[in-house]
Amino acid sequence: MSYNKILVILPITILIGFFACTNTANIPGDKKPVAIDTPVFTPPDTSTIPHDAMGDMIRYGRDLVVNTAHYIGPNGTVGKYLGNKMNCTNCHLDAGTRPFGYNFFSTHARYPQYRGRENRILSLGERINNCIERPHSGVPMPLGSKEIIAMECYIKWVGTSVPIGKHVKGDEGVELEYPKRAADIAKGEALFAKHCVSCHGKNGEGIMTADTSTYTYPPLWGMKAYQKGSSPHRVLKLARFIKANMPNKLAVWNKPVLTDEEAIDIAAFVNDDRIHPRPEKKDKTIPDYPNIKMKAIDYGTGPFVDTFSAMQHKFGPYQPIIDYHKKNGLPVIF
């Protein structure tokens, strides 16, 4: 398994991209998911980027997504904003253009957007910084900086033909069938050893480039990995990504290698904080999901609006939580 760095192709981290279109949350202002039989969205080819001032910014934005650590990492050439050496494309596969790979297909079309974790409307620039601060454990860039604007230009270009406020097929996560049991950490560990260790290491440390400037395959836990509370730290969020894309270069969204249960078990093993340490956000005075009704189903930290434990929210079984929320008129958010 791997979030492979592909050189012709982001978090941002961290993830700018979003919540499964076939399991769209019933949150204020959200749109209905696209139909199952709709063709998967195809982003424009890089050869169509114009050769003008806008094109230059689009190309720079793409380069920032692919080579994030080089430009704004701990040893960045234009600024030192990231707290680790991961690139956006380690998670936003193929520079945010792979279907069901944390892509940017409809990102620009849907921002500004309400975010339950912050309980407010975020601009696209703020969302980019949100990724820099959380998965990358960094500090925000100035919203008017060339780098933020370039990333916005690139993200807008990727979704050039997407109508404002709409989703397109492939812009979020694949649909999962939830097992009736909780995620099995032991099974996840065995599956990780079989499918993931070769790229991410026995200790989840990832594989760095020869010059140690960045990662070819990113760390999945440890102090250089994504933070607690960031999008991939949620089991179902990560499992949808794993199901559609891992093992790397073997699985694709419509020809997966892993079953739904296997993807969930691996995601649970990776995200088990009892055995795998990872960074936490710096400012703990501002809680995630201050409006607890807007917490994602698989967010594993209380308090909760329902009666289920933190362990069940994190590891499942999930269907009883979903059923409870539906029965009691509560949001069902993924």
C-alpha atoms as a PDB file:
ATOM      1  CA  MET A   1       0.000   0.000   0.000  1.00  0.00           C
ATOM      2  CA  SER A   2       1.288   3.478  -0.764  1.00  0.00           C
ATOM      3  CA  TYR A   3       0.448   7.049  -1.435  1.00  0.00           C
ATOM      4  CA  ASN A   4       3.030   7.019  -4.178  1.00  0.00           C
ATOM      5  CA  LYS A   5       4.721  10.226  -5.340  1.00  0.00           C
ATOM      6  CA  ILE A   6       4.169  10.473  -9.052  1.00  0.00           C
ATOM      7  CA  LEU A   7       6.390  13.051 -10.664  1.00  0.00           C
ATOM      8  CA  VAL A   8       4.112  13.935 -13.482  1.00  0.00           C
ATOM      9  CA  ILE A   9       1.512  14.688 -11.252  1.00  0.00           C
ATOM     10  CA  LEU A  10      -0.717  16.619  -3.337  1.00  0.00           C
ATOM     11  CA  PRO A  11      -2.261  17.270   1.126  1.00  0.00           C
ATOM     12  CA  ILE A  12      -2.537  18.797   1.230  1.00  0.00           C
ATOM     13  CA  THR A  13      -2.686  17.374   2.846  1.00  0.00           C
ATOM     14  CA  ILE A  14      -4.212  16.946   3.520  1.00  0.00           C
ATOM     15  CA  LEU A  15      -6.252  16.650   2.334  1.00  0.00           C
ATOM     16  CA  ILE A  16      -8.200  19.230   0.387  1.00  0.00           C
ATOM     17  CA  GLY A  17     -10.437  16.857  -1.179  1.00  0.00           C
ATOM     18  CA  PHE A  18     -13.376  15.288   0.508  1.00  0.00           C
ATOM     19  CA  PHE A  19     -16.118  13.146   1.683  1.00  0.00           C
ATOM     20  CA  ALA A  20     -17.447  10.178  -0.330  1.00  0.00           C
ATOM     21  CA  CYS A  21     -19.852  11.281  -3.028  1.00  0.00           C
ATOM     22  CA  THR A  22     -21.893   8.111  -2.732  1.00  0.00           C
ATOM     23  CA  ASN A  23     -22.134   8.741   1.004  1.00  0.00           C
ATOM     24  CA  THR A  24     -22.618  12.496   0.978  1.00  0.00           C
ATOM     25  CA  ALA A  25     -23.328  14.000   4.395  1.00  0.00           C
ATOM     26  CA  ASN A  26     -26.651  15.714   4.904  1.00  0.00           C
ATOM     27  CA  ILE A  27     -25.022  18.933   6.047  1.00  0.00           C
ATOM     28  CA  PRO A  28     -26.169  22.489   5.318  1.00  0.00           C
ATOM     29  CA  GLY A  29     -25.621  23.503   1.699  1.00  0.00           C
ATOM     30  CA  ASP A  30     -24.340  20.114   0.524  1.00  0.00           C
ATOM     31  CA  LYS A  31     -25.484  18.750  -2.827  1.00  0.00           C
ATOM     32  CA  LYS A  32     -26.931  15.398  -3.775  1.00  0.00           C
ATOM     33  CA  PRO A  33     -24.368  12.782  -4.854  1.00  0.00           C
ATOM     34  CA  VAL A  34     -23.987  12.012  -8.529  1.00  0.00           C
ATOM     35  CA  ALA A  35     -25.716   8.969  -9.972  1.00  0.00           C
ATOM     36  CA  ILE A  36     -23.870   5.647  -9.863  1.00  0.00           C
ATOM     37  CA  ASP A  37     -24.015   5.210 -13.658  1.00  0.00           C
ATOM     38  CA  THR A  38     -22.504   8.649 -14.341  1.00  0.00           C
ATOM     39  CA  PRO A  39     -19.085   8.470 -16.094  1.00  0.00           C
ATOM     40  CA  VAL A  40     -16.053   9.190 -13.955  1.00  0.00           C
ATOM     41  CA  PHE A  41     -14.877  12.770 -14.358  1.00  0.00           C
ATOM     42  CA  THR A  42     -11.853  13.320 -16.578  1.00  0.00           C
ATOM     43  CA  PRO A  43      -9.635  16.298 -15.670  1.00  0.00           C
ATOM     44  CA  PRO A  44      -7.977  18.322 -18.434  1.00  0.00           C
ATOM     45  CA  ASP A  45      -4.594  17.281 -19.800  1.00  0.00           C
ATOM     46  CA  THR A  46      -1.578  19.331 -18.759  1.00  0.00           C
ATOM     47  CA  SER A  47      -0.863  20.051 -22.427  1.00  0.00           C
ATOM     48  CA  THR A  48      -3.927  22.315 -22.415  1.00  0.00           C
ATOM     49  CA  ILE A  49      -2.554  24.660 -19.753  1.00  0.00           C
ATOM     50  CA  PRO A  50      -2.328  28.042 -21.518  1.00  0.00           C
ATOM     51  CA  HIS A  51       0.970  29.770 -22.167  1.00  0.00           C
ATOM     52  CA  ASP A  52       0.179  33.043 -20.459  1.00  0.00           C
ATOM     53  CA  ALA A  53       0.275  34.566 -16.980  1.00  0.00           C
ATOM     54  CA  MET A  54      -2.548  32.335 -15.746  1.00  0.00           C
ATOM     55  CA  GLY A  55      -0.895  29.271 -17.237  1.00  0.00           C
ATOM     56  CA  ASP A  56       2.344  30.096 -15.455  1.00  0.00           C
ATOM     57  CA  MET A  57       0.504  30.210 -12.129  1.00  0.00           C
ATOM     58  CA  ILE A  58      -1.317  26.942 -12.869  1.00  0.00           C
ATOM     59  CA  ARG A  59       1.979  25.210 -13.638  1.00  0.00           C
ATOM     60  CA  TYR A  60       3.568  26.636 -10.490  1.00  0.00           C
ATOM     61  CA  GLY A  61       0.590  25.493  -8.432  1.00  0.00           C
ATOM     62  CA  ARG A  62       0.921  21.986  -9.821  1.00  0.00           C
ATOM     63  CA  ASP A  63       4.627  22.002  -9.087  1.00  0.00           C
ATOM     64  CA  LEU A  64       3.860  23.017  -5.506  1.00  0.00           C
ATOM     65  CA  VAL A  65       1.483  20.079  -5.186  1.00  0.00           C
ATOM     66  CA  VAL A  66       4.037  17.634  -6.577  1.00  0.00           C
ATOM     67  CA  ASN A  67       7.164  19.040  -4.910  1.00  0.00           C
ATOM     68  CA  THR A  68       5.661  20.621  -1.804  1.00  0.00           C
ATOM     69  CA  ALA A  69       8.581  19.862   0.503  1.00  0.00           C
ATOM     70  CA  HIS A  70      11.065  21.401  -1.928  1.00  0.00           C
ATOM     71  CA  TYR A  71       9.258  24.737  -1.946  1.00  0.00           C
ATOM     72  CA  ILE A  72       7.667  25.089   1.496  1.00  0.00           C
ATOM     73  CA  GLY A  73       9.037  22.198   3.566  1.00  0.00           C
ATOM     74  CA  PRO A  74      11.368  22.416   6.571  1.00  0.00           C
ATOM     75  CA  ASN A  75      14.179  23.302   4.138  1.00  0.00           C
ATOM     76  CA  GLY A  76      11.928  25.037   1.605  1.00  0.00           C
ATOM     77  CA  THR A  77      13.334  27.275  -1.084  1.00  0.00           C
ATOM     78  CA  VAL A  78      10.516  29.853  -0.870  1.00  0.00           C
ATOM     79  CA  GLY A  79       9.407  29.415   2.737  1.00  0.00           C
ATOM     80  CA  LYS A  80       9.491  27.002   5.655  1.00  0.00           C
ATOM     81  CA  TYR A  81       5.853  26.231   6.350  1.00  0.00           C
ATOM     82  CA  LEU A  82       5.596  22.431   6.581  1.00  0.00           C
ATOM     83  CA  GLY A  83       6.489  20.542   9.727  1.00  0.00           C
ATOM     84  CA  ASN A  84       7.344  17.398   7.767  1.00  0.00           C
ATOM     85  CA  LYS A  85       8.717  16.506   4.344  1.00  0.00           C
ATOM     86  CA  MET A  86       5.639  15.026   2.730  1.00  0.00           C
ATOM     87  CA  ASN A  87       4.292  16.352  -0.548  1.00  0.00           C
ATOM     88  CA  CYS A  88       0.640  17.042  -1.300  1.00  0.00           C
ATOM     89  CA  THR A  89       0.715  14.383  -4.006  1.00  0.00           C
ATOM     90  CA  ASN A  90       1.608  11.731  -1.429  1.00  0.00           C
ATOM     91  CA  CYS A  91      -2.098  11.815  -0.546  1.00  0.00           C
ATOM     92  CA  HIS A  92      -3.710  13.747  -3.413  1.00  0.00           C
ATOM     93  CA  LEU A  93      -2.623  11.192  -5.976  1.00  0.00           C
ATOM     94  CA  ASP A  94      -1.426  12.150  -9.434  1.00  0.00           C
ATOM     95  CA  ALA A  95      -1.323  15.774  -8.315  1.00  0.00           C
ATOM     96  CA  GLY A  96      -4.968  15.608  -7.326  1.00  0.00           C
ATOM     97  CA  THR A  97      -6.226  14.151 -10.613  1.00  0.00           C
ATOM     98  CA  ARG A  98      -6.787  10.459  -9.830  1.00  0.00           C
ATOM     99  CA  PRO A  99     -10.413   9.339  -9.439  1.00  0.00           C
ATOM    100  CA  PHE A 100     -11.213   8.397  -5.832  1.00  0.00           C
ATOM    101  CA  GLY A 101      -7.659   9.412  -4.854  1.00  0.00           C
ATOM    102  CA  TYR A 102      -8.287  12.530  -2.727  1.00  0.00           C
ATOM    103  CA  ASN A 103      -8.467  14.550  -5.938  1.00  0.00           C
ATOM    104  CA  PHE A 104      -9.355  18.177  -6.679  1.00  0.00           C
ATOM    105  CA  PHE A 105     -12.091  17.514  -9.245  1.00  0.00           C
ATOM    106  CA  SER A 106     -14.848  19.551  -7.584  1.00  0.00           C
ATOM    107  CA  THR A 107     -12.853  21.303  -4.883  1.00  0.00           C
ATOM    108  CA  HIS A 108     -12.875  24.774  -6.413  1.00  0.00           C
ATOM    109  CA  ALA A 109     -16.523  24.405  -7.376  1.00  0.00           C
ATOM    110  CA  ARG A 110     -17.493  23.709  -3.738  1.00  0.00           C
ATOM    111  CA  TYR A 111     -15.427  26.310  -1.888  1.00  0.00           C
ATOM    112  CA  PRO A 112     -16.088  28.427   0.138  1.00  0.00           C
ATOM    113  CA  GLN A 113     -17.579  25.499   2.054  1.00  0.00           C
ATOM    114  CA  TYR A 114     -18.878  24.719   5.527  1.00  0.00           C
ATOM    115  CA  ARG A 115     -16.492  22.495   7.477  1.00  0.00           C
ATOM    116  CA  GLY A 116     -17.804  20.677  10.511  1.00  0.00           C
ATOM    117  CA  ARG A 117     -14.376  20.266  12.054  1.00  0.00           C
ATOM    118  CA  GLU A 118     -13.991  24.045  12.245  1.00  0.00           C
ATOM    119  CA  ASN A 119     -17.758  24.740  12.389  1.00  0.00           C
ATOM    120  CA  ARG A 120     -17.496  27.628   9.967  1.00  0.00           C
ATOM    121  CA  ILE A 121     -17.233  28.491   6.303  1.00  0.00           C
ATOM    122  CA  LEU A 122     -13.681  28.148   4.949  1.00  0.00           C
ATOM    123  CA  SER A 123     -12.308  29.688   1.787  1.00  0.00           C
ATOM    124  CA  LEU A 124     -10.226  27.496  -0.491  1.00  0.00           C
ATOM    125  CA  GLY A 125      -7.068  29.270   0.638  1.00  0.00           C
ATOM    126  CA  GLU A 126      -7.963  28.595   4.269  1.00  0.00           C
ATOM    127  CA  ARG A 127      -8.571  24.931   3.425  1.00  0.00           C
ATOM    128  CA  ILE A 128      -5.128  24.696   1.843  1.00  0.00           C
ATOM    129  CA  ASN A 129      -3.624  26.179   4.993  1.00  0.00           C
ATOM    130  CA  ASN A 130      -5.769  23.810   7.040  1.00  0.00           C
ATOM    131  CA  CYS A 131      -3.952  20.941   5.336  1.00  0.00           C
ATOM    132  CA  ILE A 132      -0.571  22.549   5.871  1.00  0.00           C
ATOM    133  CA  GLU A 133      -1.323  22.899   9.578  1.00  0.00           C
ATOM    134  CA  ARG A 134      -2.840  19.438  10.157  1.00  0.00           C
ATOM    135  CA  PRO A 135      -1.411  16.634   8.034  1.00  0.00           C
ATOM    136  CA  HIS A 136       1.861  18.564   7.654  1.00  0.00           C
ATOM    137  CA  SER A 137       2.034  19.888  11.239  1.00  0.00           C
ATOM    138  CA  GLY A 138       3.020  23.249   9.765  1.00  0.00           C
ATOM    139  CA  VAL A 139       2.171  26.923   9.965  1.00  0.00           C
ATOM    140  CA  PRO A 140      -0.204  28.728   7.576  1.00  0.00           C
ATOM    141  CA  MET A 141       1.010  30.646   4.556  1.00  0.00           C
ATOM    142  CA  PRO A 142      -0.247  34.195   3.958  1.00  0.00           C
ATOM    143  CA  LEU A 143      -3.559  33.904   2.112  1.00  0.00           C
ATOM    144  CA  GLY A 144      -2.405  36.410  -0.497  1.00  0.00           C
ATOM    145  CA  SER A 145       0.925  34.702  -1.105  1.00  0.00           C
ATOM    146  CA  LYS A 146       1.962  33.651  -4.576  1.00  0.00           C
ATOM    147  CA  GLU A 147       2.020  30.036  -3.420  1.00  0.00           C
ATOM    148  CA  ILE A 148      -1.552  29.985  -2.093  1.00  0.00           C
ATOM    149  CA  ILE A 149      -2.839  31.730  -5.207  1.00  0.00           C
ATOM    150  CA  ALA A 150      -0.913  29.361  -7.475  1.00  0.00           C
ATOM    151  CA  MET A 151      -2.410  26.329  -5.742  1.00  0.00           C
ATOM    152  CA  GLU A 152      -5.875  27.860  -6.050  1.00  0.00           C
ATOM    153  CA  CYS A 153      -5.270  28.453  -9.756  1.00  0.00           C
ATOM    154  CA  TYR A 154      -4.183  24.850 -10.283  1.00  0.00           C
ATOM    155  CA  ILE A 155      -7.092  23.421  -8.298  1.00  0.00           C
ATOM    156  CA  LYS A 156      -9.514  25.598 -10.293  1.00  0.00           C
ATOM    157  CA  TRP A 157      -7.939  24.390 -13.540  1.00  0.00           C
ATOM    158  CA  VAL A 158      -8.287  20.716 -12.573  1.00  0.00           C
ATOM    159  CA  GLY A 159     -12.045  21.223 -12.165  1.00  0.00           C
ATOM    160  CA  THR A 160     -12.464  23.606 -15.087  1.00  0.00           C
ATOM    161  CA  SER A 161     -15.726  22.070 -16.348  1.00  0.00           C
ATOM    162  CA  VAL A 162     -17.320  21.298 -12.968  1.00  0.00           C
ATOM    163  CA  PRO A 163     -20.443  23.403 -12.276  1.00  0.00           C
ATOM    164  CA  ILE A 164     -20.357  25.603  -9.179  1.00  0.00           C
ATOM    165  CA  GLY A 165     -21.547  23.765  -6.088  1.00  0.00           C
ATOM    166  CA  LYS A 166     -21.714  20.378  -7.790  1.00  0.00           C
ATOM    167  CA  HIS A 167     -20.090  16.984  -7.309  1.00  0.00           C
ATOM    168  CA  VAL A 168     -18.749  14.807 -10.108  1.00  0.00           C
ATOM    169  CA  LYS A 169     -18.214  11.068 -10.057  1.00  0.00           C
ATOM    170  CA  GLY A 170     -14.829  10.149  -8.645  1.00  0.00           C
ATOM    171  CA  ASP A 171     -14.356  13.317  -6.609  1.00  0.00           C
ATOM    172  CA  GLU A 172     -14.538  11.628  -3.242  1.00  0.00           C
ATOM    173  CA  GLY A 173     -14.356   8.102  -1.810  1.00  0.00           C
ATOM    174  CA  VAL A 174     -15.578   4.759  -3.090  1.00  0.00           C
ATOM    175  CA  GLU A 175     -18.639   3.325  -1.432  1.00  0.00           C
ATOM    176  CA  LEU A 176     -18.024   0.758   1.293  1.00  0.00           C
ATOM    177  CA  GLU A 177     -20.221  -1.934   2.773  1.00  0.00           C
ATOM    178  CA  TYR A 178     -19.697  -1.770   6.508  1.00  0.00           C
ATOM    179  CA  PRO A 179     -19.049  -5.030   8.345  1.00  0.00           C
ATOM    180  CA  LYS A 180     -21.364  -5.926  11.205  1.00  0.00           C
ATOM    181  CA  ARG A 181     -18.339  -6.239  13.474  1.00  0.00           C
ATOM    182  CA  ALA A 182     -15.807  -3.705  14.684  1.00  0.00           C
ATOM    183  CA  ALA A 183     -12.598  -3.316  12.717  1.00  0.00           C
ATOM    184  CA  ASP A 184     -10.106  -6.057  13.568  1.00  0.00           C
ATOM    185  CA  ILE A 185      -6.709  -4.576  14.454  1.00  0.00           C
ATOM    186  CA  ALA A 186      -4.927  -7.941  14.402  1.00  0.00           C
ATOM    187  CA  LYS A 187      -6.238  -8.727  10.923  1.00  0.00           C
ATOM    188  CA  GLY A 188      -5.265  -5.230   9.854  1.00  0.00           C
ATOM    189  CA  GLU A 189      -1.729  -5.765  11.101  1.00  0.00           C
ATOM    190  CA  ALA A 190      -1.392  -9.005   9.147  1.00  0.00           C
ATOM    191  CA  LEU A 191      -2.768  -7.376   5.996  1.00  0.00           C
ATOM    192  CA  PHE A 192      -0.421  -4.418   6.473  1.00  0.00           C
ATOM    193  CA  ALA A 193       2.533  -6.805   6.657  1.00  0.00           C
ATOM    194  CA  LYS A 194       1.398  -8.487   3.454  1.00  0.00           C
ATOM    195  CA  HIS A 195       0.474  -5.480   1.340  1.00  0.00           C
ATOM    196  CA  CYS A 196       1.994  -2.307   2.810  1.00  0.00           C
ATOM    197  CA  VAL A 197       5.344  -2.888   4.524  1.00  0.00           C
ATOM    198  CA  SER A 198       7.361  -2.873   1.299  1.00  0.00           C
ATOM    199  CA  CYS A 199       6.503   0.791   0.725  1.00  0.00           C
ATOM    200  CA  HIS A 200       5.629   2.190   4.149  1.00  0.00           C
ATOM    201  CA  GLY A 201       8.004   0.185   6.314  1.00  0.00           C
ATOM    202  CA  LYS A 202       7.446  -2.160   9.242  1.00  0.00           C
ATOM    203  CA  ASN A 203       7.207   0.818  11.585  1.00  0.00           C
ATOM    204  CA  GLY A 204       5.115   2.945   9.248  1.00  0.00           C
ATOM    205  CA  GLU A 205       8.076   5.245   8.635  1.00  0.00           C
ATOM    206  CA  GLY A 206       7.758   5.427   4.850  1.00  0.00           C
ATOM    207  CA  ILE A 207      10.621   5.585   2.363  1.00  0.00           C
ATOM    208  CA  MET A 208      12.536   8.792   1.785  1.00  0.00           C
ATOM    209  CA  THR A 209      14.310   9.822  -1.400  1.00  0.00           C
ATOM    210  CA  ALA A 210      18.054   9.222  -1.597  1.00  0.00           C
ATOM    211  CA  ASP A 211      18.815  12.820  -0.633  1.00  0.00           C
ATOM    212  CA  THR A 212      16.274  12.667   2.281  1.00  0.00           C
ATOM    213  CA  SER A 213      14.580  15.815   0.966  1.00  0.00           C
ATOM    214  CA  THR A 214      11.131  14.240   0.811  1.00  0.00           C
ATOM    215  CA  TYR A 215       9.238  10.951   0.681  1.00  0.00           C
ATOM    216  CA  THR A 216       8.725   8.555  -2.173  1.00  0.00           C
ATOM    217  CA  TYR A 217       6.265   6.703   0.070  1.00  0.00           C
ATOM    218  CA  PRO A 218       5.010   8.688   3.067  1.00  0.00           C
ATOM    219  CA  PRO A 219       4.975   7.704   6.734  1.00  0.00           C
ATOM    220  CA  LEU A 220       1.665   6.441   8.072  1.00  0.00           C
ATOM    221  CA  TRP A 221       2.342   6.982  11.758  1.00  0.00           C
ATOM    222  CA  GLY A 222       5.052   8.491  13.931  1.00  0.00           C
ATOM    223  CA  MET A 223       5.908  12.141  14.498  1.00  0.00           C
ATOM    224  CA  LYS A 224       6.409  12.884  10.774  1.00  0.00           C
ATOM    225  CA  ALA A 225       3.057  11.472   9.684  1.00  0.00           C
ATOM    226  CA  TYR A 226      -0.354  13.140   9.500  1.00  0.00           C
ATOM    227  CA  GLN A 227      -1.862  14.451  12.706  1.00  0.00           C
ATOM    228  CA  LYS A 228      -4.600  13.122  14.922  1.00  0.00           C
ATOM    229  CA  GLY A 229      -7.902  14.576  13.801  1.00  0.00           C
ATOM    230  CA  SER A 230      -6.833  15.095  10.187  1.00  0.00           C
ATOM    231  CA  SER A 231      -8.951  13.524   7.469  1.00  0.00           C
ATOM    232  CA  PRO A 232      -6.954  10.286   6.924  1.00  0.00           C
ATOM    233  CA  HIS A 233      -6.941   9.707  10.686  1.00  0.00           C
ATOM    234  CA  ARG A 234     -10.582   8.673  10.353  1.00  0.00           C
ATOM    235  CA  VAL A 235     -10.879   4.949   9.673  1.00  0.00           C
ATOM    236  CA  LEU A 236     -13.624   5.057   7.036  1.00  0.00           C
ATOM    237  CA  LYS A 237     -12.078   8.051   5.299  1.00  0.00           C
ATOM    238  CA  LEU A 238      -8.765   6.232   4.978  1.00  0.00           C
ATOM    239  CA  ALA A 239     -10.383   2.889   4.149  1.00  0.00           C
ATOM    240  CA  ARG A 240     -12.142   4.364   1.109  1.00  0.00           C
ATOM    241  CA  PHE A 241      -8.810   5.661  -0.143  1.00  0.00           C
ATOM    242  CA  ILE A 242      -7.098   2.322   0.515  1.00  0.00           C
ATOM    243  CA  LYS A 243      -9.839   0.326  -1.217  1.00  0.00           C
ATOM    244  CA  ALA A 244      -9.607   2.413  -4.399  1.00  0.00           C
ATOM    245  CA  ASN A 245      -5.834   2.805  -4.615  1.00  0.00           C
ATOM    246  CA  MET A 246      -3.868   0.240  -2.617  1.00  0.00           C
ATOM    247  CA  PRO A 247      -1.690  -1.729  -2.966  1.00  0.00           C
ATOM    248  CA  ASN A 248      -0.034   0.922  -5.072  1.00  0.00           C
ATOM    249  CA  LYS A 249       0.171   0.220  -8.808  1.00  0.00           C
ATOM    250  CA  LEU A 250      -2.007  -2.869  -8.376  1.00  0.00           C
ATOM    251  CA  ALA A 251      -5.421  -1.572  -7.343  1.00  0.00           C
ATOM    252  CA  VAL A 252      -7.658   0.902  -9.155  1.00  0.00           C
ATOM    253  CA  TRP A 253     -11.050   2.129  -8.053  1.00  0.00           C
ATOM    254  CA  ASN A 254     -13.042  -0.253 -10.291  1.00  0.00           C
ATOM    255  CA  LYS A 255     -10.648  -3.223  -9.857  1.00  0.00           C
ATOM    256  CA  PRO A 256      -9.747  -3.279  -6.164  1.00  0.00           C
ATOM    257  CA  VAL A 257      -7.395  -5.807  -4.618  1.00  0.00           C
ATOM    258  CA  LEU A 258      -8.712  -5.545  -1.073  1.00  0.00           C
ATOM    259  CA  THR A 259     -12.213  -6.221   0.185  1.00  0.00           C
ATOM    260  CA  ASP A 260     -14.156  -3.577   2.092  1.00  0.00           C
ATOM    261  CA  GLU A 261     -13.456  -5.352   5.400  1.00  0.00           C
ATOM    262  CA  GLU A 262      -9.757  -5.649   4.628  1.00  0.00           C
ATOM    263  CA  ALA A 263      -9.471  -1.960   3.768  1.00  0.00           C
ATOM    264  CA  ILE A 264     -11.255  -1.043   7.009  1.00  0.00           C
ATOM    265  CA  ASP A 265      -9.061  -3.376   9.068  1.00  0.00           C
ATOM    266  CA  ILE A 266      -5.866  -1.911   7.606  1.00  0.00           C
ATOM    267  CA  ALA A 267      -7.091   1.649   8.146  1.00  0.00           C
ATOM    268  CA  ALA A 268      -7.947   0.781  11.759  1.00  0.00           C
ATOM    269  CA  PHE A 269      -4.508  -0.731  12.378  1.00  0.00           C
ATOM    270  CA  VAL A 270      -2.761   2.312  10.901  1.00  0.00           C
ATOM    271  CA  ASN A 271      -4.928   4.734  12.886  1.00  0.00           C
ATOM    272  CA  ASP A 272      -4.895   2.913  16.221  1.00  0.00           C
ATOM    273  CA  ASP A 273      -3.477   5.537  18.593  1.00  0.00           C
ATOM    274  CA  ARG A 274      -2.969   2.921  21.300  1.00  0.00           C
ATOM    275  CA  ILE A 275      -0.078   1.427  19.328  1.00  0.00           C
ATOM    276  CA  HIS A 276       0.854   4.112  16.820  1.00  0.00           C
ATOM    277  CA  PRO A 277       1.829   7.607  18.023  1.00  0.00           C
ATOM    278  CA  ARG A 278       1.378  10.605  15.749  1.00  0.00           C
ATOM    279  CA  PRO A 279       1.482  14.408  16.050  1.00  0.00           C
ATOM    280  CA  GLU A 280      -1.342  16.438  17.538  1.00  0.00           C
ATOM    281  CA  LYS A 281      -2.452  19.919  16.592  1.00  0.00           C
ATOM    282  CA  LYS A 282      -0.570  22.727  18.301  1.00  0.00           C
ATOM    283  CA  ASP A 283      -3.488  24.837  19.494  1.00  0.00           C
ATOM    284  CA  LYS A 284      -5.645  22.566  21.634  1.00  0.00           C
ATOM    285  CA  THR A 285      -7.717  25.449  22.991  1.00  0.00           C
ATOM    286  CA  ILE A 286      -9.834  25.312  19.825  1.00  0.00           C
ATOM    287  CA  PRO A 287     -11.631  21.948  19.740  1.00  0.00           C
ATOM    288  CA  ASP A 288     -12.372  20.015  16.585  1.00  0.00           C
ATOM    289  CA  TYR A 289     -16.101  19.817  15.814  1.00  0.00           C
ATOM    290  CA  PRO A 290     -17.273  22.391  18.397  1.00  0.00           C
ATOM    291  CA  ASN A 291     -20.794  21.621  17.169  1.00  0.00           C
ATOM    292  CA  ILE A 292     -20.853  17.954  18.103  1.00  0.00           C
ATOM    293  CA  LYS A 293     -23.838  17.273  15.841  1.00  0.00           C
ATOM    294  CA  MET A 294     -21.505  17.818  12.879  1.00  0.00           C
ATOM    295  CA  LYS A 295     -18.924  15.183  13.802  1.00  0.00           C
ATOM    296  CA  ALA A 296     -18.135  12.557  11.222  1.00  0.00           C
ATOM    297  CA  ILE A 297     -19.449   9.104  12.097  1.00  0.00           C
ATOM    298  CA  ASP A 298     -15.904   7.691  12.313  1.00  0.00           C
ATOM    299  CA  TYR A 299     -14.396  10.551  14.333  1.00  0.00           C
ATOM    300  CA  GLY A 300     -13.059   8.855  17.443  1.00  0.00           C
ATOM    301  CA  THR A 301     -13.001  11.607  20.064  1.00  0.00           C
ATOM    302  CA  GLY A 302     -16.001  12.616  22.183  1.00  0.00           C
ATOM    303  CA  PRO A 303     -18.244  14.116  23.272  1.00  0.00           C
ATOM    304  CA  PHE A 304     -20.885  12.792  20.900  1.00  0.00           C
ATOM    305  CA  VAL A 305     -24.486  13.698  20.236  1.00  0.00           C
ATOM    306  CA  ASP A 306     -25.438  10.003  20.376  1.00  0.00           C
ATOM    307  CA  THR A 307     -25.040   7.214  22.958  1.00  0.00           C
ATOM    308  CA  PHE A 308     -22.171   5.308  21.327  1.00  0.00           C
ATOM    309  CA  SER A 309     -18.650   5.080  22.723  1.00  0.00           C
ATOM    310  CA  ALA A 310     -15.542   6.698  21.318  1.00  0.00           C
ATOM    311  CA  MET A 311     -14.196   3.223  20.479  1.00  0.00           C
ATOM    312  CA  GLN A 312     -17.285   2.361  18.446  1.00  0.00           C
ATOM    313  CA  HIS A 313     -17.182   5.663  16.609  1.00  0.00           C
ATOM    314  CA  LYS A 314     -13.559   5.055  15.704  1.00  0.00           C
ATOM    315  CA  PHE A 315     -13.553   1.326  14.938  1.00  0.00           C
ATOM    316  CA  GLY A 316     -17.207   0.395  14.436  1.00  0.00           C
ATOM    317  CA  PRO A 317     -19.481  -1.353  13.973  1.00  0.00           C
ATOM    318  CA  TYR A 318     -20.732   1.747  12.169  1.00  0.00           C
ATOM    319  CA  GLN A 319     -24.186   0.794  10.949  1.00  0.00           C
ATOM    320  CA  PRO A 320     -25.842   1.037  14.402  1.00  0.00           C
ATOM    321  CA  ILE A 321     -24.523   4.601  14.685  1.00  0.00           C
ATOM    322  CA  ILE A 322     -25.820   5.459  11.233  1.00  0.00           C
ATOM    323  CA  ASP A 323     -29.220   3.925  12.002  1.00  0.00           C
ATOM    324  CA  TYR A 324     -29.460   5.837  15.290  1.00  0.00           C
ATOM    325  CA  HIS A 325     -28.662   9.134  13.602  1.00  0.00           C
ATOM    326  CA  LYS A 326     -31.231   8.564  10.880  1.00  0.00           C
ATOM    327  CA  LYS A 327     -33.897   7.513  13.370  1.00  0.00           C
ATOM    328  CA  ASN A 328     -33.309  10.576  15.522  1.00  0.00           C
ATOM    329  CA  GLY A 329     -32.990  13.132  12.731  1.00  0.00           C
ATOM    330  CA  LEU A 330     -29.276  13.672  13.284  1.00  0.00           C
ATOM    331  CA  PRO A 331     -26.738  14.353  10.520  1.00  0.00           C
ATOM    332  CA  VAL A 332     -25.010  11.317   9.016  1.00  0.00           C
ATOM    333  CA  ILE A 333     -21.571  12.584   8.071  1.00  0.00           C
ATOM    334  CA  PHE A 334     -18.658  10.690   6.559  1.00  0.00           C
END
